[in-house]
Amino acid sequence: MFSEAEVRQLINDLFEEEAILIGGLVAVHPVDDDLVWRLAKNLDIIRRKALQRIEATESDGESSDVTVRPNLKRHPAIEDLLLNIRRA
């Protein structure tokens, strides 16, 4: 089993790799600056929520997160990524 510190580091490492990936794509392809800022901000929010869930799980013994998601159609590439993540 992983310690809380190891899980926190793993999550931070993962999001760092995602930021590097996005930075590389933005460097090569024209992307609206506002989109990049929004994407970065939202990824940071997701990272913080994941870290908060770890703290809540450690203190409560369980996570009590309820997320309401809007019913929006996802881009096929995002659907494919989500399927790969969920299969892992």
Protein backbone atom coordinates (compact mmCIF):
# COMPACT_ATOMS: atom_id res chain seq x y z
CA MET A 1 0.00 0.00 0.00
CA PHE A 2 1.17 3.52 -0.75
CA SER A 3 1.58 6.16 1.90
CA GLU A 4 -0.36 9.41 1.61
CA ALA A 5 2.87 11.23 0.72
CA GLU A 6 3.61 8.75 -2.08
CA VAL A 7 0.12 9.10 -3.54
CA ARG A 8 0.34 12.90 -3.37
CA GLN A 9 3.70 12.79 -5.19
CA LEU A 10 2.32 10.43 -7.83
CA ILE A 11 -0.62 12.75 -8.51
CA ASN A 12 1.63 15.80 -8.70
CA ASP A 13 4.03 13.95 -11.04
CA LEU A 14 1.14 12.94 -13.27
CA PHE A 15 -0.19 16.49 -13.54
CA GLU A 16 3.32 17.79 -14.19
CA GLU A 17 3.62 15.39 -17.13
CA GLU A 18 0.23 16.54 -18.42
CA ALA A 19 1.32 20.18 -18.18
CA ILE A 20 4.49 19.39 -20.14
CA LEU A 21 2.41 17.56 -22.75
CA ILE A 22 0.02 20.48 -23.15
CA GLY A 23 2.92 22.92 -23.28
CA GLY A 24 4.48 20.92 -26.10
CA LEU A 25 1.24 20.84 -28.06
CA VAL A 26 0.71 24.57 -27.59
CA ALA A 27 4.28 25.26 -28.73
CA VAL A 28 3.72 23.36 -31.98
CA HIS A 29 0.07 24.14 -32.77
CA PRO A 30 -1.76 27.46 -32.75
CA VAL A 31 -4.09 27.51 -29.75
CA ASP A 32 -6.07 30.43 -28.37
CA ASP A 33 -4.30 31.89 -25.33
CA ASP A 34 -7.54 32.01 -23.33
CA LEU A 35 -8.07 28.28 -23.93
CA VAL A 36 -4.60 27.48 -22.60
CA TRP A 37 -5.18 29.55 -19.45
CA ARG A 38 -8.58 27.93 -18.85
CA LEU A 39 -7.20 24.45 -19.42
CA ALA A 40 -4.30 25.05 -17.03
CA LYS A 41 -6.59 26.51 -14.39
CA ASN A 42 -9.06 23.64 -14.63
CA LEU A 43 -6.32 21.01 -14.50
CA ASP A 44 -5.00 22.63 -11.35
CA ILE A 45 -8.49 22.56 -9.83
CA ILE A 46 -8.78 18.85 -10.66
CA ARG A 47 -5.35 18.22 -9.14
CA ARG A 48 -6.29 20.04 -5.94
CA LYS A 49 -9.58 18.12 -5.67
CA ALA A 50 -7.72 14.83 -6.05
CA LEU A 51 -5.30 15.83 -3.30
CA GLN A 52 -8.20 16.90 -1.07
CA ARG A 53 -9.87 13.52 -1.61
CA ILE A 54 -6.71 11.83 -0.37
CA GLU A 55 -6.76 13.93 2.78
CA ALA A 56 -10.48 13.25 3.29
CA THR A 57 -9.98 9.53 2.77
CA GLU A 58 -7.08 9.44 5.22
CA SER A 59 -9.02 11.32 7.91
CA ASP A 60 -12.49 9.79 7.38
CA GLY A 61 -11.53 6.40 6.12
CA GLU A 62 -13.70 6.99 3.06
CA SER A 63 -14.34 9.61 0.41
CA SER A 64 -17.68 11.44 0.33
CA ASP A 65 -17.27 13.23 -2.99
CA VAL A 66 -20.40 13.77 -5.08
CA THR A 67 -19.77 15.36 -8.44
CA VAL A 68 -22.49 16.68 -10.72
CA ARG A 69 -21.42 16.64 -14.35
CA PRO A 70 -23.12 18.58 -17.14
CA ASN A 71 -24.47 16.53 -20.01
CA LEU A 72 -22.07 17.67 -22.75
CA LYS A 73 -20.92 15.66 -25.74
CA ARG A 74 -17.21 14.91 -25.46
CA HIS A 75 -14.69 15.08 -28.29
CA PRO A 76 -13.93 11.56 -29.61
CA ALA A 77 -10.26 11.90 -28.64
CA ILE A 78 -11.27 12.72 -25.06
CA GLU A 79 -13.67 9.76 -25.02
CA ASP A 80 -10.86 7.49 -26.17
CA LEU A 81 -8.52 8.83 -23.48
CA LEU A 82 -11.16 8.35 -20.78
CA LEU A 83 -11.79 4.76 -21.91
CA ASN A 84 -8.07 4.00 -21.73
CA ILE A 85 -7.82 5.49 -18.24
CA ARG A 86 -10.83 3.56 -16.99
CA ARG A 87 -9.54 0.28 -18.41
CA ALA A 88 -6.23 0.63 -16.59
